[in-house]
Structures are given as C-alpha cells and as structure tokens.
Amino acid sequence: MEQDSLFLSYVRYTFKKWLGFQEALHEGMGGIYAKEKELWMGNEIENYFKRYHDVKPEDIEEYLGTMLDNEFDTYFEDGSVQQISRIFCEAYPISLINPDAEIFQEMKMNPVIEASNYNSRANNITQENDEETACKRMEQLKVTETSEDGEWTTVGKKNRNKLP
C-alpha cells in the first residue's frame, strides 16, 4: 500500500483538528459513510492542487464548500472554511520543497490519536487535555438544523451579545 504524501497527511490532520467539522461529524453529518467521505475529501483536495497551478484560497474555499454541501449537507458560517483554505494553500507548495518546515512540525510531533490507539497513560493525559481544550472551544460553536426538512447542518459561532 502506498504511503500518503506529506500534504495529504497534513490535510487529513487538519480535518481531524478542525473542531467545527469534527463536531458536525459527531452530530451525524455525512451519514454512515462520513469517515469514508472525509478520506475522499482529503484526496480530492490534494488532487485539486495537483491538477491546477496557482491555486488560490478562494478556489479551495469554493471547492471544499461544494464538497461539504453535496456530501455532508453542511454549510459553515464560522469562517473556518476560509481559514482551512488559506492553510492548505500555504502548506501545499511548502510540502513539495521543504517537508521539514515548521508548518508540519505539530502534525509530526502530535499526531491525532484515534480511539483505537488510546493505550498509554501519557496518551490518556494528552487526550484529556485536548478534550478540555476542545470542549471549551466547542462551547463557542453552534450546530443547528436550518431547513424545514432537516437536511442541512450549519456550524457558526455563538453570538454572545444576543439576549435569550
């Protein structure tokens, strides 16, 4: 089996660290094949960069947004798609010329731990700290069904200034 490219690994790592996306997956976005769709989406992002030259964040934002819409029935209003798109556009050319660049160090030093890999006490402590941080950040997100037929999931920032 062929090993993933550095960029594809980075894309998948970024998806795993994207709190809004992971929360939406947890809420059922993408259905029973959500994990497969997540892997496919990573491959598609990498292939987009390989097919086209001079890819702009707006291109990735549109492409990623279309995939999220079509495959996951989800729209993000929190600005995270734009942020992820900029990160990918920064990382792709660097991945081709400098695999040891700082942008990839967090991924190499702190890989995302899948549920089946929680074996050591150190991993459990790291997981607990990550979960605390994630919980605090998740409290700032709002996941809502926005259509009458319940087919859309929207992820946005909570507005702390609104009255109940």
N, C-alpha and C. Protein backbone atom coordinates (compact mmCIF):
# COMPACT_ATOMS: atom_id res chain seq x y z
N MET A 1 0.84 -1.19 0.00
CA MET A 1 0.00 0.00 0.00
C MET A 1 0.89 1.25 0.00
N GLU A 2 0.56 2.19 -0.83
CA GLU A 2 1.34 3.41 -0.98
C GLU A 2 1.12 4.34 0.21
N GLN A 3 2.21 4.92 0.70
CA GLN A 3 2.13 5.85 1.81
C GLN A 3 1.59 7.19 1.33
N ASP A 4 0.78 7.83 2.18
CA ASP A 4 0.22 9.13 1.84
C ASP A 4 1.32 10.17 1.70
N SER A 5 1.10 11.13 0.81
CA SER A 5 2.03 12.24 0.67
C SER A 5 1.99 13.09 1.94
N LEU A 6 3.00 13.89 2.14
CA LEU A 6 3.04 14.79 3.28
C LEU A 6 1.83 15.72 3.27
N PHE A 7 1.50 16.25 2.09
CA PHE A 7 0.38 17.18 2.02
C PHE A 7 -0.93 16.49 2.35
N LEU A 8 -1.16 15.29 1.82
CA LEU A 8 -2.40 14.57 2.12
C LEU A 8 -2.48 14.27 3.61
N SER A 9 -1.39 13.87 4.20
CA SER A 9 -1.37 13.63 5.65
C SER A 9 -1.72 14.92 6.40
N TYR A 10 -1.21 16.04 5.92
CA TYR A 10 -1.49 17.33 6.55
C TYR A 10 -2.97 17.71 6.39
N VAL A 11 -3.53 17.46 5.23
CA VAL A 11 -4.95 17.74 5.01
C VAL A 11 -5.80 16.92 5.97
N ARG A 12 -5.51 15.64 6.06
CA ARG A 12 -6.28 14.77 6.96
C ARG A 12 -6.09 15.17 8.42
N TYR A 13 -4.87 15.54 8.78
CA TYR A 13 -4.59 16.02 10.13
C TYR A 13 -5.41 17.29 10.41
N THR A 14 -5.44 18.18 9.45
CA THR A 14 -6.18 19.43 9.60
C THR A 14 -7.67 19.16 9.77
N PHE A 15 -8.21 18.22 9.00
CA PHE A 15 -9.62 17.85 9.16
C PHE A 15 -9.88 17.32 10.58
N LYS A 16 -8.96 16.52 11.10
CA LYS A 16 -9.13 15.95 12.44
C LYS A 16 -9.05 17.03 13.53
N LYS A 17 -8.29 18.09 13.28
CA LYS A 17 -8.14 19.17 14.26
C LYS A 17 -9.20 20.27 14.07
N TRP A 18 -9.97 20.21 13.00
CA TRP A 18 -11.00 21.20 12.70
C TRP A 18 -12.20 20.91 13.60
N LEU A 19 -12.33 21.64 14.68
CA LEU A 19 -13.34 21.35 15.70
C LEU A 19 -14.76 21.40 15.16
N GLY A 20 -15.08 22.42 14.38
CA GLY A 20 -16.43 22.52 13.85
C GLY A 20 -16.78 21.34 12.96
N PHE A 21 -15.84 20.92 12.13
CA PHE A 21 -16.05 19.78 11.24
C PHE A 21 -16.23 18.50 12.05
N GLN A 22 -15.38 18.30 13.04
CA GLN A 22 -15.47 17.09 13.86
C GLN A 22 -16.77 17.07 14.67
N GLU A 23 -17.20 18.22 15.17
CA GLU A 23 -18.47 18.29 15.89
C GLU A 23 -19.63 17.97 14.96
N ALA A 24 -19.59 18.49 13.77
CA ALA A 24 -20.64 18.21 12.80
C ALA A 24 -20.67 16.71 12.46
N LEU A 25 -19.50 16.09 12.31
CA LEU A 25 -19.44 14.64 12.08
C LEU A 25 -20.06 13.90 13.26
N HIS A 26 -19.73 14.34 14.46
CA HIS A 26 -20.27 13.73 15.67
C HIS A 26 -21.79 13.84 15.70
N GLU A 27 -22.31 14.92 15.16
CA GLU A 27 -23.76 15.14 15.12
C GLU A 27 -24.44 14.38 13.97
N GLY A 28 -23.67 13.63 13.19
CA GLY A 28 -24.27 12.80 12.15
C GLY A 28 -24.10 13.32 10.74
N MET A 29 -23.39 14.43 10.58
CA MET A 29 -23.16 14.98 9.25
C MET A 29 -22.47 13.93 8.38
N GLY A 30 -22.96 13.71 7.20
CA GLY A 30 -22.34 12.77 6.27
C GLY A 30 -22.89 11.36 6.37
N GLY A 31 -23.72 11.10 7.35
CA GLY A 31 -24.33 9.79 7.46
C GLY A 31 -23.36 8.69 7.85
N ILE A 32 -23.73 7.46 7.51
CA ILE A 32 -22.95 6.30 7.94
C ILE A 32 -21.60 6.21 7.24
N TYR A 33 -21.45 6.88 6.12
CA TYR A 33 -20.18 6.84 5.38
C TYR A 33 -19.35 8.11 5.59
N ALA A 34 -19.58 8.81 6.68
CA ALA A 34 -18.90 10.08 6.92
C ALA A 34 -17.38 9.93 6.95
N LYS A 35 -16.87 8.91 7.58
CA LYS A 35 -15.40 8.73 7.66
C LYS A 35 -14.81 8.48 6.28
N GLU A 36 -15.51 7.69 5.47
CA GLU A 36 -15.04 7.44 4.11
C GLU A 36 -15.08 8.72 3.29
N LYS A 37 -16.13 9.51 3.48
CA LYS A 37 -16.25 10.79 2.77
C LYS A 37 -15.14 11.75 3.20
N GLU A 38 -14.80 11.72 4.47
CA GLU A 38 -13.72 12.58 4.98
C GLU A 38 -12.40 12.21 4.30
N LEU A 39 -12.12 10.92 4.18
CA LEU A 39 -10.90 10.46 3.50
C LEU A 39 -10.92 10.87 2.03
N TRP A 40 -12.06 10.66 1.38
CA TRP A 40 -12.22 11.01 -0.03
C TRP A 40 -12.00 12.51 -0.23
N MET A 41 -12.57 13.31 0.68
CA MET A 41 -12.46 14.75 0.57
C MET A 41 -10.99 15.18 0.66
N GLY A 42 -10.22 14.54 1.53
CA GLY A 42 -8.79 14.83 1.62
C GLY A 42 -8.08 14.53 0.32
N ASN A 43 -8.40 13.38 -0.28
CA ASN A 43 -7.81 13.02 -1.58
C ASN A 43 -8.17 14.04 -2.64
N GLU A 44 -9.40 14.49 -2.64
CA GLU A 44 -9.86 15.46 -3.63
C GLU A 44 -9.14 16.81 -3.48
N ILE A 45 -8.92 17.22 -2.26
CA ILE A 45 -8.19 18.48 -2.03
C ILE A 45 -6.78 18.35 -2.60
N GLU A 46 -6.10 17.25 -2.29
CA GLU A 46 -4.75 17.06 -2.82
C GLU A 46 -4.76 17.02 -4.34
N ASN A 47 -5.71 16.29 -4.92
CA ASN A 47 -5.79 16.18 -6.38
C ASN A 47 -6.06 17.53 -7.04
N TYR A 48 -6.83 18.38 -6.38
CA TYR A 48 -7.11 19.71 -6.91
C TYR A 48 -5.81 20.50 -7.06
N PHE A 49 -4.98 20.44 -6.04
CA PHE A 49 -3.68 21.14 -6.11
C PHE A 49 -2.79 20.55 -7.19
N LYS A 50 -2.85 19.25 -7.39
CA LYS A 50 -2.03 18.61 -8.42
C LYS A 50 -2.51 18.95 -9.83
N ARG A 51 -3.82 19.12 -10.00
CA ARG A 51 -4.40 19.40 -11.32
C ARG A 51 -4.20 20.84 -11.77
N TYR A 52 -4.29 21.76 -10.84
CA TYR A 52 -4.29 23.18 -11.19
C TYR A 52 -3.06 23.88 -10.61
N HIS A 53 -2.57 24.85 -11.35
CA HIS A 53 -1.44 25.66 -10.90
C HIS A 53 -1.95 26.96 -10.32
N ASP A 54 -1.20 27.53 -9.43
CA ASP A 54 -1.53 28.82 -8.83
C ASP A 54 -2.92 28.81 -8.18
N VAL A 55 -3.16 27.81 -7.35
CA VAL A 55 -4.45 27.67 -6.67
C VAL A 55 -4.55 28.74 -5.58
N LYS A 56 -5.66 29.43 -5.55
CA LYS A 56 -5.92 30.50 -4.59
C LYS A 56 -6.82 29.98 -3.46
N PRO A 57 -6.75 30.61 -2.29
CA PRO A 57 -7.63 30.19 -1.19
C PRO A 57 -9.12 30.21 -1.58
N GLU A 58 -9.50 31.17 -2.41
CA GLU A 58 -10.90 31.25 -2.84
C GLU A 58 -11.30 30.01 -3.64
N ASP A 59 -10.36 29.47 -4.43
CA ASP A 59 -10.64 28.26 -5.21
C ASP A 59 -10.91 27.08 -4.28
N ILE A 60 -10.05 26.93 -3.28
CA ILE A 60 -10.20 25.82 -2.34
C ILE A 60 -11.45 26.03 -1.50
N GLU A 61 -11.71 27.26 -1.10
CA GLU A 61 -12.90 27.56 -0.32
C GLU A 61 -14.16 27.14 -1.08
N GLU A 62 -14.22 27.48 -2.35
CA GLU A 62 -15.38 27.11 -3.17
C GLU A 62 -15.47 25.59 -3.34
N TYR A 63 -14.33 24.95 -3.62
CA TYR A 63 -14.30 23.51 -3.85
C TYR A 63 -14.66 22.75 -2.57
N LEU A 64 -14.05 23.13 -1.46
CA LEU A 64 -14.33 22.50 -0.18
C LEU A 64 -15.78 22.74 0.23
N GLY A 65 -16.25 23.97 0.04
CA GLY A 65 -17.63 24.29 0.36
C GLY A 65 -18.62 23.46 -0.45
N THR A 66 -18.31 23.25 -1.72
CA THR A 66 -19.17 22.43 -2.58
C THR A 66 -19.19 20.99 -2.09
N MET A 67 -18.03 20.45 -1.73
CA MET A 67 -17.99 19.07 -1.22
C MET A 67 -18.76 18.95 0.09
N LEU A 68 -18.60 19.91 0.99
CA LEU A 68 -19.33 19.88 2.25
C LEU A 68 -20.83 19.96 2.01
N ASP A 69 -21.23 20.79 1.06
CA ASP A 69 -22.64 20.94 0.71
C ASP A 69 -23.18 19.64 0.10
N ASN A 70 -22.51 19.13 -0.92
CA ASN A 70 -23.01 17.97 -1.65
C ASN A 70 -22.93 16.67 -0.86
N GLU A 71 -21.84 16.45 -0.16
CA GLU A 71 -21.62 15.16 0.50
C GLU A 71 -22.07 15.14 1.96
N PHE A 72 -22.08 16.29 2.61
CA PHE A 72 -22.38 16.33 4.03
C PHE A 72 -23.60 17.19 4.36
N ASP A 73 -24.21 17.82 3.35
CA ASP A 73 -25.35 18.71 3.57
C ASP A 73 -25.06 19.72 4.69
N THR A 74 -23.88 20.32 4.62
CA THR A 74 -23.42 21.19 5.69
C THR A 74 -22.84 22.48 5.13
N TYR A 75 -23.09 23.57 5.84
CA TYR A 75 -22.56 24.87 5.48
C TYR A 75 -21.96 25.48 6.75
N PHE A 76 -20.74 25.96 6.67
CA PHE A 76 -20.07 26.56 7.81
C PHE A 76 -20.13 28.08 7.70
N GLU A 77 -20.68 28.72 8.74
CA GLU A 77 -20.78 30.18 8.78
C GLU A 77 -19.75 30.80 9.71
N ASP A 78 -18.87 29.99 10.25
CA ASP A 78 -17.94 30.47 11.27
C ASP A 78 -16.60 30.94 10.73
N GLY A 79 -16.44 30.97 9.41
CA GLY A 79 -15.18 31.41 8.81
C GLY A 79 -14.12 30.33 8.74
N SER A 80 -14.43 29.15 9.22
CA SER A 80 -13.41 28.10 9.27
C SER A 80 -13.06 27.56 7.89
N VAL A 81 -14.00 27.53 6.96
CA VAL A 81 -13.68 27.04 5.60
C VAL A 81 -12.66 27.97 4.96
N GLN A 82 -12.82 29.27 5.14
CA GLN A 82 -11.86 30.23 4.60
C GLN A 82 -10.48 30.03 5.25
N GLN A 83 -10.46 29.84 6.55
CA GLN A 83 -9.20 29.65 7.27
C GLN A 83 -8.52 28.36 6.82
N ILE A 84 -9.26 27.28 6.72
CA ILE A 84 -8.70 25.99 6.28
C ILE A 84 -8.16 26.12 4.86
N SER A 85 -8.88 26.82 4.00
CA SER A 85 -8.46 27.01 2.61
C SER A 85 -7.13 27.75 2.53
N ARG A 86 -6.98 28.79 3.34
CA ARG A 86 -5.71 29.53 3.38
C ARG A 86 -4.56 28.64 3.86
N ILE A 87 -4.84 27.84 4.87
CA ILE A 87 -3.82 26.93 5.41
C ILE A 87 -3.36 25.95 4.34
N PHE A 88 -4.32 25.37 3.60
CA PHE A 88 -3.96 24.40 2.56
C PHE A 88 -3.14 25.06 1.46
N CYS A 89 -3.52 26.28 1.08
CA CYS A 89 -2.77 26.99 0.02
C CYS A 89 -1.36 27.34 0.48
N GLU A 90 -1.19 27.57 1.74
CA GLU A 90 0.15 27.84 2.27
C GLU A 90 0.96 26.54 2.35
N ALA A 91 0.32 25.46 2.76
CA ALA A 91 1.04 24.20 3.02
C ALA A 91 1.44 23.45 1.75
N TYR A 92 0.62 23.50 0.70
CA TYR A 92 0.91 22.66 -0.47
C TYR A 92 2.28 22.95 -1.08
N PRO A 93 2.59 24.18 -1.47
CA PRO A 93 3.91 24.40 -2.09
C PRO A 93 5.07 24.10 -1.13
N ILE A 94 4.87 24.35 0.15
CA ILE A 94 5.92 24.06 1.13
C ILE A 94 6.15 22.56 1.22
N SER A 95 5.07 21.78 1.13
CA SER A 95 5.20 20.32 1.24
C SER A 95 6.05 19.74 0.11
N LEU A 96 6.08 20.43 -1.02
CA LEU A 96 6.84 19.94 -2.18
C LEU A 96 8.33 20.22 -2.06
N ILE A 97 8.69 21.28 -1.34
CA ILE A 97 10.11 21.67 -1.30
C ILE A 97 10.76 21.57 0.07
N ASN A 98 9.96 21.56 1.14
CA ASN A 98 10.55 21.56 2.47
C ASN A 98 9.70 20.73 3.44
N PRO A 99 9.82 19.41 3.38
CA PRO A 99 9.00 18.56 4.24
C PRO A 99 9.26 18.73 5.73
N ASP A 100 10.36 19.37 6.08
CA ASP A 100 10.67 19.59 7.50
C ASP A 100 10.26 20.98 7.98
N ALA A 101 9.48 21.69 7.18
CA ALA A 101 9.06 23.05 7.52
C ALA A 101 8.26 23.07 8.82
N GLU A 102 8.30 24.21 9.45
CA GLU A 102 7.63 24.40 10.74
C GLU A 102 6.14 24.08 10.66
N ILE A 103 5.50 24.37 9.55
CA ILE A 103 4.06 24.17 9.41
C ILE A 103 3.66 22.70 9.64
N PHE A 104 4.58 21.77 9.40
CA PHE A 104 4.27 20.34 9.54
C PHE A 104 4.74 19.76 10.87
N GLN A 105 5.42 20.54 11.68
CA GLN A 105 6.01 20.01 12.91
C GLN A 105 4.96 19.57 13.92
N GLU A 106 3.88 20.33 14.09
CA GLU A 106 2.84 19.92 15.04
C GLU A 106 2.27 18.57 14.65
N MET A 107 2.02 18.38 13.36
CA MET A 107 1.47 17.12 12.88
C MET A 107 2.43 15.97 13.17
N LYS A 108 3.71 16.21 12.95
CA LYS A 108 4.71 15.16 13.16
C LYS A 108 4.93 14.87 14.64
N MET A 109 4.87 15.90 15.46
CA MET A 109 5.13 15.73 16.89
C MET A 109 3.90 15.28 17.67
N ASN A 110 2.72 15.67 17.21
CA ASN A 110 1.47 15.38 17.93
C ASN A 110 0.41 14.82 16.99
N PRO A 111 0.62 13.61 16.50
CA PRO A 111 -0.38 13.06 15.58
C PRO A 111 -1.72 12.91 16.28
N VAL A 112 -2.79 13.01 15.52
CA VAL A 112 -4.12 12.85 16.07
C VAL A 112 -4.27 11.39 16.49
N ILE A 113 -4.70 11.19 17.72
CA ILE A 113 -4.83 9.84 18.26
C ILE A 113 -6.25 9.36 17.99
N GLU A 114 -6.34 8.26 17.27
CA GLU A 114 -7.65 7.66 17.01
C GLU A 114 -8.08 6.88 18.25
N ALA A 115 -9.37 6.67 18.39
CA ALA A 115 -9.91 6.00 19.57
C ALA A 115 -9.26 4.64 19.82
N SER A 116 -8.92 3.91 18.80
CA SER A 116 -8.34 2.58 18.97
C SER A 116 -6.90 2.63 19.45
N ASN A 117 -6.28 3.80 19.49
CA ASN A 117 -4.88 3.92 19.88
C ASN A 117 -4.67 4.44 21.30
N TYR A 118 -5.70 4.52 22.10
CA TYR A 118 -5.55 5.05 23.45
C TYR A 118 -5.03 3.95 24.37
N ASN A 119 -3.72 3.75 24.38
CA ASN A 119 -3.15 2.66 25.16
C ASN A 119 -2.41 3.14 26.40
N SER A 120 -1.58 4.14 26.27
CA SER A 120 -0.71 4.52 27.38
C SER A 120 -1.33 5.61 28.24
N ARG A 121 -0.83 5.71 29.45
CA ARG A 121 -1.27 6.76 30.38
C ARG A 121 -0.96 8.14 29.81
N ALA A 122 0.20 8.29 29.18
CA ALA A 122 0.58 9.58 28.59
C ALA A 122 -0.40 9.98 27.51
N ASN A 123 -0.80 9.03 26.69
CA ASN A 123 -1.78 9.33 25.65
C ASN A 123 -3.10 9.74 26.26
N ASN A 124 -3.49 9.09 27.37
CA ASN A 124 -4.76 9.43 28.01
C ASN A 124 -4.71 10.83 28.61
N ILE A 125 -3.58 11.21 29.20
CA ILE A 125 -3.44 12.56 29.75
C ILE A 125 -3.51 13.59 28.63
N THR A 126 -2.79 13.33 27.54
CA THR A 126 -2.82 14.23 26.39
C THR A 126 -4.24 14.33 25.85
N GLN A 127 -4.92 13.19 25.75
CA GLN A 127 -6.29 13.18 25.25
C GLN A 127 -7.19 14.00 26.17
N GLU A 128 -7.04 13.85 27.49
CA GLU A 128 -7.87 14.60 28.42
C GLU A 128 -7.64 16.10 28.27
N ASN A 129 -6.38 16.51 28.15
CA ASN A 129 -6.07 17.93 27.96
C ASN A 129 -6.64 18.44 26.64
N ASP A 130 -6.48 17.64 25.57
CA ASP A 130 -7.03 18.02 24.27
C ASP A 130 -8.54 18.12 24.33
N GLU A 131 -9.17 17.18 25.05
CA GLU A 131 -10.63 17.19 25.17
C GLU A 131 -11.11 18.42 25.93
N GLU A 132 -10.39 18.80 27.00
CA GLU A 132 -10.75 20.01 27.74
C GLU A 132 -10.71 21.23 26.84
N THR A 133 -9.62 21.36 26.10
CA THR A 133 -9.47 22.48 25.18
C THR A 133 -10.55 22.44 24.12
N ALA A 134 -10.79 21.25 23.57
CA ALA A 134 -11.81 21.10 22.53
C ALA A 134 -13.18 21.45 23.08
N CYS A 135 -13.49 21.01 24.30
CA CYS A 135 -14.79 21.30 24.89
C CYS A 135 -14.99 22.80 25.07
N LYS A 136 -13.94 23.48 25.53
CA LYS A 136 -14.04 24.93 25.69
C LYS A 136 -14.30 25.62 24.36
N ARG A 137 -13.59 25.16 23.32
CA ARG A 137 -13.77 25.77 22.00
C ARG A 137 -15.11 25.36 21.40
N MET A 138 -15.56 24.14 21.68
CA MET A 138 -16.83 23.67 21.12
C MET A 138 -18.00 24.46 21.69
N GLU A 139 -17.87 24.90 22.94
CA GLU A 139 -18.92 25.70 23.54
C GLU A 139 -19.16 26.99 22.77
N GLN A 140 -18.17 27.41 22.00
CA GLN A 140 -18.29 28.63 21.22
C GLN A 140 -18.97 28.39 19.87
N LEU A 141 -19.20 27.11 19.53
CA LEU A 141 -19.83 26.79 18.25
C LEU A 141 -21.30 26.47 18.45
N LYS A 142 -22.05 26.68 17.40
CA LYS A 142 -23.47 26.42 17.41
C LYS A 142 -23.77 25.56 16.19
N VAL A 143 -24.34 24.36 16.39
CA VAL A 143 -24.73 23.49 15.29
C VAL A 143 -26.24 23.46 15.26
N THR A 144 -26.82 23.86 14.11
CA THR A 144 -28.27 23.93 14.01
C THR A 144 -28.75 23.33 12.70
N GLU A 145 -29.95 22.79 12.73
CA GLU A 145 -30.63 22.37 11.51
C GLU A 145 -31.34 23.60 10.98
N THR A 146 -31.12 23.94 9.70
CA THR A 146 -31.67 25.20 9.21
C THR A 146 -32.78 25.05 8.19
N SER A 147 -33.01 23.87 7.68
CA SER A 147 -34.08 23.75 6.70
C SER A 147 -35.28 23.07 7.33
N GLU A 148 -36.40 23.25 6.70
CA GLU A 148 -37.63 22.68 7.22
C GLU A 148 -37.59 21.17 7.22
N ASP A 149 -36.90 20.56 6.25
CA ASP A 149 -36.84 19.10 6.17
C ASP A 149 -35.66 18.53 6.94
N GLY A 150 -34.88 19.37 7.63
CA GLY A 150 -33.79 18.90 8.47
C GLY A 150 -32.60 18.34 7.74
N GLU A 151 -32.41 18.69 6.48
CA GLU A 151 -31.31 18.12 5.72
C GLU A 151 -30.03 18.94 5.82
N TRP A 152 -30.06 20.13 6.34
CA TRP A 152 -28.87 20.99 6.39
C TRP A 152 -28.37 21.11 7.82
N THR A 153 -27.08 21.11 7.95
CA THR A 153 -26.44 21.39 9.23
C THR A 153 -25.60 22.63 9.02
N THR A 154 -25.77 23.61 9.90
CA THR A 154 -24.98 24.83 9.81
C THR A 154 -24.13 24.95 11.06
N VAL A 155 -22.86 25.26 10.88
CA VAL A 155 -21.96 25.47 12.00
C VAL A 155 -21.56 26.93 11.99
N GLY A 156 -21.80 27.60 13.09
CA GLY A 156 -21.45 29.02 13.19
C GLY A 156 -20.98 29.34 14.60
N LYS A 157 -20.51 30.55 14.78
CA LYS A 157 -20.09 30.99 16.10
C LYS A 157 -21.31 31.45 16.87
N LYS A 158 -21.32 31.15 18.18
CA LYS A 158 -22.40 31.64 19.02
C LYS A 158 -22.24 33.14 19.18
N ASN A 159 -23.35 33.84 19.14
CA ASN A 159 -23.32 35.28 19.35
C ASN A 159 -23.59 35.54 20.82
N ARG A 160 -22.57 35.92 21.53
CA ARG A 160 -22.68 36.12 22.98
C ARG A 160 -23.43 37.41 23.32
N ASN A 161 -23.65 38.29 22.36
CA ASN A 161 -24.28 39.57 22.64
C ASN A 161 -25.80 39.53 22.51
N LYS A 162 -26.34 38.45 21.97
CA LYS A 162 -27.78 38.37 21.80
C LYS A 162 -28.45 38.02 23.12
N LEU A 163 -29.61 38.59 23.34
CA LEU A 163 -30.40 38.26 24.52
C LEU A 163 -31.15 36.96 24.25
N PRO A 164 -31.40 36.16 25.29
CA PRO A 164 -32.10 34.88 25.10
C PRO A 164 -33.49 35.03 24.58
